[in-house]
N, C-alpha and C. Protein backbone atom coordinates (compact mmCIF):
# COMPACT_ATOMS: atom_id res chain seq x y z
N UNK A 1 99.72 105.44 76.00
CA UNK A 1 99.95 103.93 75.19
C UNK A 1 101.33 103.77 75.49
N UNK A 2 101.57 102.78 75.73
CA UNK A 2 103.67 102.31 76.17
C UNK A 2 103.94 102.37 74.81
N UNK A 3 105.24 102.95 75.25
CA UNK A 3 106.42 102.89 74.18
C UNK A 3 106.72 101.69 73.72
N UNK A 4 107.18 101.18 72.38
CA UNK A 4 107.55 100.13 71.92
C UNK A 4 109.02 100.71 71.64
N UNK A 5 109.70 99.22 72.53
CA UNK A 5 111.00 99.34 72.39
C UNK A 5 111.69 99.22 71.03
N UNK A 6 113.03 99.07 71.14
CA UNK A 6 113.74 98.79 69.85
C UNK A 6 113.86 97.57 69.62
N UNK A 7 114.13 96.58 70.57
CA UNK A 7 114.01 95.17 70.57
C UNK A 7 112.41 94.72 70.11
N UNK A 8 111.60 95.61 70.71
CA UNK A 8 110.13 95.10 70.21
C UNK A 8 109.89 95.82 68.91
N UNK A 9 110.12 96.24 68.09
CA UNK A 9 110.28 97.17 66.57
C UNK A 9 111.11 95.99 65.90
N UNK A 10 112.52 95.39 66.25
CA UNK A 10 113.40 94.48 65.72
C UNK A 10 112.63 92.92 65.83
N UNK A 11 111.63 92.54 66.41
CA UNK A 11 110.88 91.49 66.94
C UNK A 11 109.81 91.60 65.77
N UNK A 12 109.28 92.57 65.82
CA UNK A 12 107.92 92.61 65.05
C UNK A 12 108.49 92.46 63.53
N UNK A 13 109.47 93.03 62.98
CA UNK A 13 110.09 92.97 61.75
C UNK A 13 110.34 91.83 61.39
N UNK A 14 111.11 91.37 62.38
CA UNK A 14 111.65 89.85 62.03
C UNK A 14 110.42 88.88 61.91
N UNK A 15 109.49 88.92 62.54
CA UNK A 15 108.14 87.97 62.30
C UNK A 15 107.68 88.53 61.01
N UNK A 16 107.40 89.62 60.61
CA UNK A 16 107.02 89.66 59.66
C UNK A 16 107.64 89.24 58.60
N UNK A 17 109.15 89.09 58.12
CA UNK A 17 109.86 88.68 57.55
C UNK A 17 109.96 87.31 57.27
N UNK A 18 109.54 86.70 58.84
CA UNK A 18 109.90 85.32 58.96
C UNK A 18 108.33 84.78 58.05
N UNK A 19 107.14 85.21 58.35
CA UNK A 19 105.82 85.02 57.77
C UNK A 19 105.79 85.06 56.55
N UNK A 20 106.63 86.44 55.79
CA UNK A 20 106.79 86.41 54.47
C UNK A 20 107.14 85.43 53.79
N UNK A 21 108.41 85.09 54.38
CA UNK A 21 109.24 84.05 53.78
C UNK A 21 108.65 82.57 53.79
N UNK A 22 107.86 82.40 54.79
CA UNK A 22 107.19 81.04 55.09
C UNK A 22 106.17 81.05 53.77
N UNK A 23 105.38 81.95 54.00
CA UNK A 23 104.54 82.22 52.77
C UNK A 23 104.99 81.95 51.47
N UNK A 24 105.89 82.32 51.39
CA UNK A 24 106.82 82.44 49.80
C UNK A 24 107.50 80.94 49.63
N UNK A 25 107.48 80.31 50.57
CA UNK A 25 108.20 79.00 50.50
C UNK A 25 107.27 77.90 50.30
N UNK A 26 106.35 78.11 51.00
CA UNK A 26 105.11 77.43 50.63
C UNK A 26 104.47 77.25 49.55
N UNK A 27 104.35 78.32 48.62
CA UNK A 27 104.29 78.57 47.24
C UNK A 27 104.89 78.04 46.11
N UNK A 28 106.39 78.23 46.38
CA UNK A 28 107.33 77.87 45.90
C UNK A 28 108.51 76.90 46.70
N UNK A 29 108.02 75.20 46.35
CA UNK A 29 108.62 74.68 47.26
C UNK A 29 110.54 74.49 46.38
N UNK A 30 111.13 74.12 47.08
CA UNK A 30 112.62 74.29 46.80
C UNK A 30 112.80 72.93 46.45
N UNK A 31 113.52 72.96 44.70
CA UNK A 31 113.95 72.02 43.86
C UNK A 31 115.37 71.92 44.72
N UNK A 32 115.63 70.25 44.05
CA UNK A 32 117.09 69.43 44.55
C UNK A 32 117.95 69.74 43.33
N UNK A 33 119.17 70.22 43.58
CA UNK A 33 120.11 70.72 42.42
C UNK A 33 120.48 69.45 41.83
N UNK A 34 120.91 69.22 40.64
CA UNK A 34 121.24 68.39 40.04
C UNK A 34 122.94 68.08 39.89
N UNK A 35 123.18 66.86 40.49
CA UNK A 35 124.72 66.55 41.02
C UNK A 35 125.34 66.48 39.59
N UNK A 36 124.84 66.59 38.22
CA UNK A 36 125.14 66.53 36.97
C UNK A 36 125.94 67.89 36.62
N UNK A 37 124.96 68.89 36.99
CA UNK A 37 125.63 70.34 36.56
C UNK A 37 126.84 70.70 37.65
N UNK A 38 127.16 69.90 38.50
CA UNK A 38 128.11 70.26 39.51
C UNK A 38 129.33 69.37 39.18
N UNK A 39 129.74 68.78 38.24
CA UNK A 39 130.15 67.80 37.84
C UNK A 39 131.63 68.49 38.21
N UNK A 40 131.87 69.69 37.76
CA UNK A 40 133.21 70.37 37.19
C UNK A 40 133.93 70.46 38.85
N UNK A 41 133.06 70.46 39.78
CA UNK A 41 133.55 71.05 41.07
C UNK A 41 134.54 69.96 41.43
N UNK A 42 135.12 70.27 42.58
CA UNK A 42 136.27 69.39 43.34
C UNK A 42 135.49 68.98 44.16
N UNK A 43 136.07 67.51 44.57
CA UNK A 43 135.21 66.59 45.41
C UNK A 43 135.59 67.55 46.99
N UNK A 44 136.69 68.23 47.49
CA UNK A 44 136.76 69.20 48.49
C UNK A 44 135.64 70.10 48.89
N UNK A 45 135.45 70.93 47.62
CA UNK A 45 134.18 71.70 47.70
C UNK A 45 132.80 71.03 48.13
N UNK A 46 132.64 69.89 47.60
CA UNK A 46 131.48 69.09 47.86
C UNK A 46 131.30 68.60 49.17
N UNK A 47 132.45 68.50 49.79
CA UNK A 47 132.28 67.74 51.14
C UNK A 47 132.19 69.05 51.79
N UNK A 48 132.82 70.48 51.72
CA UNK A 48 132.68 71.13 52.52
C UNK A 48 131.07 71.79 52.28
N UNK A 49 130.41 71.54 51.20
CA UNK A 49 129.06 71.99 50.99
C UNK A 49 127.93 70.74 51.52
N UNK A 50 128.52 69.75 52.25
CA UNK A 50 127.94 68.71 52.66
C UNK A 50 127.93 68.76 54.03
N UNK A 51 128.87 69.30 54.37
CA UNK A 51 128.96 69.42 56.40
C UNK A 51 128.09 70.72 56.49
N UNK A 52 127.72 71.85 55.74
CA UNK A 52 126.95 72.95 56.23
C UNK A 52 125.23 72.27 55.81
N UNK A 53 124.41 72.51 56.99
CA UNK A 53 122.78 72.35 56.42
C UNK A 53 122.76 73.19 55.80
N UNK A 54 121.52 72.92 54.78
CA UNK A 54 120.84 74.06 53.76
C UNK A 54 119.75 74.49 54.58
N UNK A 55 119.97 75.93 55.16
CA UNK A 55 118.89 76.32 55.98
C UNK A 55 118.42 77.26 54.58
N UNK A 56 117.25 77.14 54.88
CA UNK A 56 115.93 78.02 54.17
C UNK A 56 116.04 79.31 54.74
N UNK A 57 115.40 80.25 54.11
CA UNK A 57 115.26 81.55 54.26
C UNK A 57 114.30 81.48 55.34
N UNK A 58 113.26 81.26 56.01
CA UNK A 58 112.35 81.25 56.71
C UNK A 58 113.32 80.65 58.13
N UNK A 59 114.31 79.61 57.83
CA UNK A 59 115.16 79.09 58.95
C UNK A 59 116.63 80.34 59.47
N UNK A 60 116.91 80.82 58.41
CA UNK A 60 117.74 82.30 58.52
C UNK A 60 116.99 82.77 59.50
N UNK A 61 115.83 83.16 58.98
CA UNK A 61 115.12 84.37 59.92
C UNK A 61 114.50 84.05 61.24
N UNK A 62 114.43 83.03 61.41
CA UNK A 62 114.17 82.34 62.72
C UNK A 62 115.52 82.62 63.44
N UNK A 63 116.52 82.04 63.20
CA UNK A 63 117.69 82.39 63.88
C UNK A 63 118.29 83.57 64.16
N UNK A 64 117.99 83.96 63.24
CA UNK A 64 118.13 85.69 63.39
C UNK A 64 117.40 86.57 64.59
N UNK A 65 115.81 85.73 64.66
CA UNK A 65 115.12 85.83 65.84
C UNK A 65 115.72 85.19 66.86
N UNK A 66 116.11 84.36 66.97
CA UNK A 66 116.69 83.37 68.20
C UNK A 66 117.90 84.14 68.86
N UNK A 67 118.53 84.90 68.24
CA UNK A 67 119.90 85.43 68.22
C UNK A 67 119.25 86.84 69.08
N UNK A 68 117.98 87.51 68.34
CA UNK A 68 117.67 88.85 69.12
C UNK A 68 117.35 88.27 70.59
N UNK A 69 116.55 87.47 70.88
CA UNK A 69 116.03 87.10 72.33
C UNK A 69 117.27 86.62 73.27
N UNK A 70 117.69 86.44 72.51
CA UNK A 70 119.22 85.52 73.70
C UNK A 70 120.47 86.69 73.93
N UNK A 71 119.84 87.97 73.77
CA UNK A 71 120.77 88.93 73.94
C UNK A 71 120.30 90.14 75.01
N UNK A 72 120.57 90.52 75.81
CA UNK A 72 119.93 91.04 77.18
C UNK A 72 119.46 92.48 76.51
N UNK A 73 120.61 93.14 75.73
CA UNK A 73 120.37 94.62 75.36
C UNK A 73 120.71 94.54 73.63
N UNK A 74 120.30 95.27 73.13
CA UNK A 74 120.72 95.54 71.38
C UNK A 74 122.16 96.17 71.38
N UNK A 75 122.31 96.99 72.24
CA UNK A 75 123.59 97.84 72.16
C UNK A 75 124.38 97.53 73.21
N UNK A 76 125.91 97.59 73.36
CA UNK A 76 126.68 97.43 74.59
C UNK A 76 126.51 98.60 75.43
N UNK A 77 126.22 98.21 76.89
CA UNK A 77 125.84 99.04 77.64
C UNK A 77 127.30 98.83 78.26
N UNK A 78 127.87 100.35 78.99
CA UNK A 78 129.26 100.44 79.80
C UNK A 78 128.85 101.18 81.15
N UNK A 79 130.25 100.79 81.71
CA UNK A 79 129.69 101.63 83.01
C UNK A 79 129.47 103.30 82.56
N UNK A 80 128.83 104.03 83.70
CA UNK A 80 128.82 105.34 83.52
C UNK A 80 129.45 106.09 84.54
N UNK A 81 130.38 106.97 84.15
CA UNK A 81 131.04 107.53 85.29
C UNK A 81 130.42 108.86 85.89
N UNK A 82 130.38 108.51 87.48
CA UNK A 82 129.80 109.32 88.38
C UNK A 82 130.42 109.57 89.22
N UNK A 83 130.32 110.89 89.97
CA UNK A 83 131.07 111.55 91.19
C UNK A 83 130.15 112.23 92.26
N UNK A 84 130.40 111.57 93.40
CA UNK A 84 129.65 112.21 94.62
C UNK A 84 130.01 113.78 94.61
N UNK A 85 131.09 114.19 94.07
CA UNK A 85 131.54 115.66 93.96
C UNK A 85 130.84 116.63 94.39
N UNK A 86 129.48 116.64 93.71
CA UNK A 86 128.45 117.63 93.87
C UNK A 86 127.70 117.55 95.16
N UNK A 87 127.51 116.57 95.51
CA UNK A 87 126.62 116.09 96.73
C UNK A 87 127.60 116.65 97.95
N UNK A 88 128.90 116.31 97.44
CA UNK A 88 129.66 116.63 99.19
C UNK A 88 129.84 118.41 98.88
N UNK A 89 130.16 118.61 97.91
CA UNK A 89 130.24 120.08 97.83
C UNK A 89 128.96 121.32 98.52
N UNK A 90 127.90 120.55 98.27
CA UNK A 90 126.52 120.80 98.65
C UNK A 90 126.52 120.99 100.23
N UNK A 91 127.07 119.93 100.64
CA UNK A 91 126.83 119.22 102.15
C UNK A 91 128.26 120.40 102.77
N UNK A 92 129.26 120.60 102.13
CA UNK A 92 130.49 121.04 103.04
C UNK A 92 130.21 122.13 102.91
N UNK A 93 131.01 122.95 101.64
CA UNK A 93 131.20 124.04 101.14
C UNK A 93 129.92 125.22 101.13
N UNK A 94 129.21 124.35 100.25
CA UNK A 94 127.89 125.74 99.98
C UNK A 94 126.98 125.64 101.19
N UNK A 95 126.99 124.81 102.08
CA UNK A 95 126.19 124.70 103.31
C UNK A 95 126.71 125.82 104.42
N UNK A 96 127.93 125.78 104.39
CA UNK A 96 128.31 126.95 105.54
C UNK A 96 128.83 128.20 104.69
N UNK A 97 129.25 128.19 103.79
CA UNK A 97 129.65 129.54 103.04
C UNK A 97 128.81 130.32 101.79
N UNK A 98 127.83 129.14 101.70
CA UNK A 98 126.64 129.93 100.55
C UNK A 98 125.26 129.21 100.57
N UNK A 99 124.81 129.60 101.97
CA UNK A 99 123.33 129.18 101.98
C UNK A 99 122.49 129.32 101.13
N UNK A 100 122.65 130.38 100.49
CA UNK A 100 121.61 130.78 99.25
C UNK A 100 121.47 130.00 98.01
N UNK A 101 122.89 129.30 97.96
CA UNK A 101 123.07 127.75 96.77
C UNK A 101 122.43 126.63 97.58
N UNK A 102 122.87 126.63 98.47
CA UNK A 102 122.16 125.38 99.44
C UNK A 102 120.74 125.24 99.24
N UNK A 103 120.08 126.47 99.49
CA UNK A 103 118.75 126.64 99.42
C UNK A 103 118.41 126.10 97.91
N UNK A 104 118.86 126.96 97.38
CA UNK A 104 118.26 126.65 95.91
C UNK A 104 118.22 125.09 95.66
N UNK A 105 119.35 124.54 96.07
CA UNK A 105 119.11 123.23 95.86
C UNK A 105 118.09 122.16 96.61
N UNK A 106 118.01 122.74 97.67
CA UNK A 106 117.33 121.52 98.46
C UNK A 106 116.11 122.08 98.99
N UNK A 107 115.51 123.73 98.95
CA UNK A 107 114.44 124.20 99.37
C UNK A 107 114.51 124.25 100.71
N UNK A 108 115.51 123.97 101.71
CA UNK A 108 115.44 124.40 103.01
C UNK A 108 116.76 125.64 103.57
N UNK A 109 116.76 125.85 104.42
CA UNK A 109 117.81 126.62 104.77
C UNK A 109 118.69 125.71 105.72
N UNK A 110 120.50 125.77 105.72
CA UNK A 110 120.99 124.64 106.41
C UNK A 110 120.87 124.21 107.75
N UNK A 111 120.37 125.43 108.72
CA UNK A 111 119.71 125.28 109.87
C UNK A 111 118.47 124.24 109.61
N UNK A 112 117.57 124.33 108.97
CA UNK A 112 116.28 123.38 108.70
C UNK A 112 116.62 121.86 108.46
N UNK A 113 117.77 121.85 107.58
CA UNK A 113 118.52 120.88 107.01
C UNK A 113 119.16 120.11 108.21
N UNK A 114 119.64 120.70 108.70
CA UNK A 114 120.43 119.86 110.53
C UNK A 114 119.06 119.62 111.16
N UNK A 115 118.20 120.40 111.72
CA UNK A 115 117.42 119.80 112.23
C UNK A 115 116.62 118.56 111.92
N UNK A 116 116.19 118.58 110.50
CA UNK A 116 115.52 117.58 110.12
C UNK A 116 116.66 116.26 109.91
N UNK A 117 118.03 116.21 109.79
CA UNK A 117 118.90 115.19 110.37
C UNK A 117 118.82 114.89 111.25
N UNK A 118 118.94 115.50 112.43
CA UNK A 118 118.86 114.84 113.80
C UNK A 118 117.55 114.74 114.19
N UNK A 119 116.32 115.19 113.65
CA UNK A 119 115.14 114.41 114.12
C UNK A 119 114.88 112.63 113.40
N UNK A 120 115.59 112.50 111.96
CA UNK A 120 115.37 111.86 111.29
C UNK A 120 116.58 110.73 111.49
N UNK A 121 117.79 110.68 111.97
CA UNK A 121 118.81 109.75 111.87
C UNK A 121 118.86 108.86 112.85
N UNK A 122 117.42 108.72 113.89
CA UNK A 122 117.78 107.69 114.77
C UNK A 122 116.40 106.74 114.33
N UNK A 123 115.91 106.89 113.31
CA UNK A 123 114.65 106.23 112.68
C UNK A 123 115.31 105.01 112.31
N UNK A 124 115.26 103.68 112.59
CA UNK A 124 115.89 102.29 112.23
C UNK A 124 116.03 102.29 110.94
N UNK A 125 115.15 102.78 110.02
CA UNK A 125 115.49 102.43 108.66
C UNK A 125 116.75 102.79 108.00
N UNK A 126 117.67 103.79 108.68
CA UNK A 126 118.68 104.20 108.25
C UNK A 126 119.84 103.25 108.70
N UNK A 127 119.39 102.25 110.07
CA UNK A 127 120.58 101.29 110.20
C UNK A 127 120.01 100.18 109.81
N UNK A 128 121.08 99.45 109.68
CA UNK A 128 120.59 97.99 109.56
C UNK A 128 122.18 97.09 110.23
N UNK A 129 121.67 95.74 110.37
CA UNK A 129 122.48 94.83 110.65
C UNK A 129 123.74 94.17 109.93
N UNK A 130 123.90 94.48 108.75
CA UNK A 130 124.69 93.90 107.63
C UNK A 130 125.87 94.56 107.77
N UNK A 131 126.49 93.89 107.34
CA UNK A 131 128.24 94.29 107.23
C UNK A 131 128.81 95.22 106.45
N UNK A 132 127.52 95.70 105.08
CA UNK A 132 127.74 97.17 104.63
C UNK A 132 126.73 98.20 104.93
N UNK A 133 127.87 99.00 105.32
CA UNK A 133 127.36 100.15 106.11
C UNK A 133 126.31 101.19 104.70
N UNK A 134 125.41 101.76 105.41
CA UNK A 134 124.67 102.14 104.62
C UNK A 134 125.37 104.01 104.32
N UNK A 135 124.57 104.73 103.24
CA UNK A 135 124.99 105.67 102.68
C UNK A 135 124.62 106.71 104.19
N UNK A 136 125.11 107.44 104.34
CA UNK A 136 124.95 108.61 105.62
C UNK A 136 123.64 109.22 105.22
N UNK A 137 122.95 109.47 106.94
CA UNK A 137 121.69 109.76 106.48
C UNK A 137 121.78 111.42 105.94
N UNK A 138 122.56 111.98 106.06
CA UNK A 138 122.36 113.67 105.57
C UNK A 138 122.74 113.21 104.43
N UNK A 139 123.47 112.75 103.57
CA UNK A 139 123.25 112.33 102.50
C UNK A 139 122.22 111.78 101.54
N UNK A 140 121.45 110.76 102.16
CA UNK A 140 120.30 110.35 102.09
C UNK A 140 118.94 111.38 102.26
N UNK A 141 119.15 112.16 102.89
CA UNK A 141 118.14 113.41 103.06
C UNK A 141 118.24 114.39 101.96
N UNK A 142 119.73 114.90 101.97
CA UNK A 142 120.22 115.75 100.55
C UNK A 142 119.17 115.36 99.61
N UNK A 143 119.62 114.04 99.30
CA UNK A 143 119.37 113.40 97.91
C UNK A 143 117.61 113.38 97.45
N UNK A 144 116.99 113.00 99.12
CA UNK A 144 115.76 113.20 98.71
C UNK A 144 114.96 114.78 98.34
N UNK A 145 115.52 115.73 99.42
CA UNK A 145 115.27 117.06 99.16
C UNK A 145 115.47 117.42 97.98
N UNK A 146 116.64 117.04 96.89
CA UNK A 146 117.19 117.84 95.78
C UNK A 146 115.94 117.32 94.82
N UNK A 147 115.60 115.71 94.75
CA UNK A 147 114.72 115.16 94.01
C UNK A 147 113.26 115.97 94.34
N UNK A 148 112.69 116.32 95.33
CA UNK A 148 111.63 117.23 96.09
C UNK A 148 111.46 118.35 95.45
N UNK A 149 112.81 119.04 95.36
CA UNK A 149 112.92 120.20 95.01
C UNK A 149 112.71 120.74 93.91
N UNK A 150 113.37 119.26 92.81
CA UNK A 150 113.20 119.93 91.50
C UNK A 150 111.91 119.18 90.81
N UNK A 151 111.56 119.40 89.42
CA UNK A 151 110.68 118.62 89.05
C UNK A 151 110.72 118.70 87.51
N UNK A 152 109.93 117.50 86.57
CA UNK A 152 109.96 117.86 85.33
C UNK A 152 111.42 116.64 85.23
N UNK A 153 112.02 117.31 83.98
CA UNK A 153 113.11 116.50 83.73
C UNK A 153 114.13 116.28 84.59
N UNK A 154 114.29 117.41 85.42
CA UNK A 154 115.26 117.63 86.30
C UNK A 154 115.51 116.94 87.86
N UNK A 155 114.27 116.20 87.78
CA UNK A 155 114.03 115.43 89.16
C UNK A 155 114.02 113.60 88.52
N UNK A 156 114.29 113.58 87.21
CA UNK A 156 114.37 111.99 86.70
C UNK A 156 115.57 111.50 87.71
N UNK A 157 115.22 110.03 88.03
CA UNK A 157 116.17 109.57 88.86
C UNK A 157 117.33 109.48 88.11
N UNK A 158 117.62 109.41 86.75
CA UNK A 158 118.87 109.81 85.81
C UNK A 158 119.47 110.93 86.56
N UNK A 159 118.70 112.13 86.58
CA UNK A 159 119.75 113.13 86.60
C UNK A 159 119.84 112.94 88.36
N UNK A 160 119.21 113.05 89.10
CA UNK A 160 119.44 112.82 90.30
C UNK A 160 120.63 112.11 90.22
N UNK A 161 120.80 110.77 90.00
CA UNK A 161 121.76 109.85 90.40
C UNK A 161 123.25 110.58 89.88
N UNK A 162 122.97 110.86 88.55
CA UNK A 162 124.36 111.56 88.03
C UNK A 162 124.72 112.81 88.62
N UNK A 163 123.65 113.26 89.53
CA UNK A 163 124.04 114.60 90.23
C UNK A 163 124.52 114.13 91.63
N UNK A 164 124.09 112.93 92.23
CA UNK A 164 124.64 112.86 93.83
C UNK A 164 125.89 111.63 93.49
N UNK A 165 126.09 111.08 92.09
CA UNK A 165 127.26 110.26 92.23
C UNK A 165 126.36 108.65 92.51
N UNK A 166 125.70 108.29 92.62
CA UNK A 166 125.04 106.63 93.07
C UNK A 166 124.13 106.42 92.02
N UNK A 167 123.80 105.34 92.08
CA UNK A 167 123.08 104.37 90.99
C UNK A 167 121.49 104.67 91.02
N UNK A 168 120.92 104.52 89.76
CA UNK A 168 119.47 104.91 89.53
C UNK A 168 118.86 104.25 90.52
N UNK A 169 119.03 103.01 90.65
CA UNK A 169 118.09 102.55 92.00
C UNK A 169 118.28 102.95 93.42
N UNK A 170 119.51 103.44 93.34
CA UNK A 170 119.55 103.66 94.87
C UNK A 170 118.99 105.29 95.21
N UNK A 171 118.59 106.00 94.02
CA UNK A 171 117.76 107.21 94.22
C UNK A 171 116.54 106.96 94.77
N UNK A 172 115.93 106.25 94.15
CA UNK A 172 114.43 105.51 94.58
C UNK A 172 114.47 105.17 95.83
N UNK A 173 115.44 104.19 96.33
CA UNK A 173 115.74 103.70 97.53
C UNK A 173 116.13 104.75 98.69
N UNK A 174 116.81 105.63 98.29
CA UNK A 174 117.22 106.53 99.31
C UNK A 174 115.84 107.54 99.72
N UNK A 175 115.03 107.78 98.49
CA UNK A 175 114.06 108.52 98.66
C UNK A 175 112.87 107.86 99.62
N UNK A 176 112.53 106.68 99.23
CA UNK A 176 111.66 105.31 100.05
C UNK A 176 112.17 105.74 101.57
N UNK A 177 113.34 105.82 101.64
CA UNK A 177 113.89 105.62 103.36
C UNK A 177 113.31 106.76 103.68
N UNK A 178 113.87 107.99 103.29
CA UNK A 178 113.34 109.66 103.77
C UNK A 178 111.86 109.40 103.80
N UNK A 179 111.28 109.28 103.22
CA UNK A 179 109.66 109.26 103.14
C UNK A 179 109.03 108.63 104.47
N UNK A 180 109.73 107.01 104.47
CA UNK A 180 109.58 106.29 105.74
C UNK A 180 109.73 106.88 107.13
N UNK A 181 110.67 107.29 106.88
CA UNK A 181 111.29 108.24 108.34
C UNK A 181 110.31 109.31 109.05
N UNK A 182 110.33 110.07 107.75
CA UNK A 182 109.31 111.08 107.80
C UNK A 182 107.89 111.08 108.34
N UNK A 183 107.38 109.88 107.47
CA UNK A 183 105.80 109.41 107.86
C UNK A 183 106.02 108.89 109.57
N UNK A 184 107.21 108.06 109.65
CA UNK A 184 106.92 107.44 110.87
C UNK A 184 107.26 108.46 112.07
N UNK A 185 108.46 109.62 111.74
CA UNK A 185 108.28 110.70 112.86
C UNK A 185 107.33 111.41 112.93
N UNK A 186 106.22 111.81 111.81
CA UNK A 186 105.37 112.37 111.77
C UNK A 186 103.74 111.66 112.93
N UNK A 187 103.97 110.18 112.68
CA UNK A 187 103.19 109.64 113.26
C UNK A 187 103.50 109.76 114.99
N UNK A 188 104.67 109.30 115.31
CA UNK A 188 105.46 109.58 116.25
C UNK A 188 104.85 110.98 117.22
N UNK A 189 105.38 111.61 116.52
CA UNK A 189 104.78 113.06 116.94
C UNK A 189 103.13 113.15 117.46
N UNK A 190 102.43 112.76 116.27
CA UNK A 190 100.72 112.59 116.63
C UNK A 190 100.09 112.42 117.56
N UNK A 191 100.90 110.88 117.95
CA UNK A 191 100.29 110.33 119.25
C UNK A 191 101.28 110.80 120.28
N UNK A 192 102.36 111.44 120.22
CA UNK A 192 102.78 112.07 121.56
C UNK A 192 102.18 112.86 122.04
N UNK A 193 101.67 113.89 121.32
CA UNK A 193 100.65 115.25 121.29
C UNK A 193 99.27 115.07 121.86
N UNK A 194 98.91 113.73 121.84
CA UNK A 194 97.33 113.45 122.12
C UNK A 194 97.51 113.54 123.90
């Protein structure tokens, strides 16, 4: 069963309140106030009261519901600080000096990783005609292997993105690039052996 978001819970609550106030207003029609009771008030307060529209309780709830739907998020979102230092440390120092740590992160030896990068780097999916250069092929392969190596909560796009210092959507994009390249390489290899 899908999880109910905070926005959906708030909207459902406001709709319940709206229906309850609408029902209460239909049973108890509003009464007009006598002007004789407010004779002691100054004319300036009367003019300020006239400039504000009289909102019923249901109108107030409806306005709150409108405000809820006008917001993209219920809470403010700010940038999340990330760094690619973990990824670069893995691909430089740990790959050369601590292959056991490298293997524990990616599930392959540094030599196997280099062969994989060499085989996949020519795939057209890693090259584009845009002015913005793509992420290095070895970085993309390392991110995908890191994701494949981990499971459960450690393999979520959020955890992988924070580890690699990239955006959440980039994790999925990079993984798709690597999988398409591996599939293309496998298909090419199968046809060349026939």
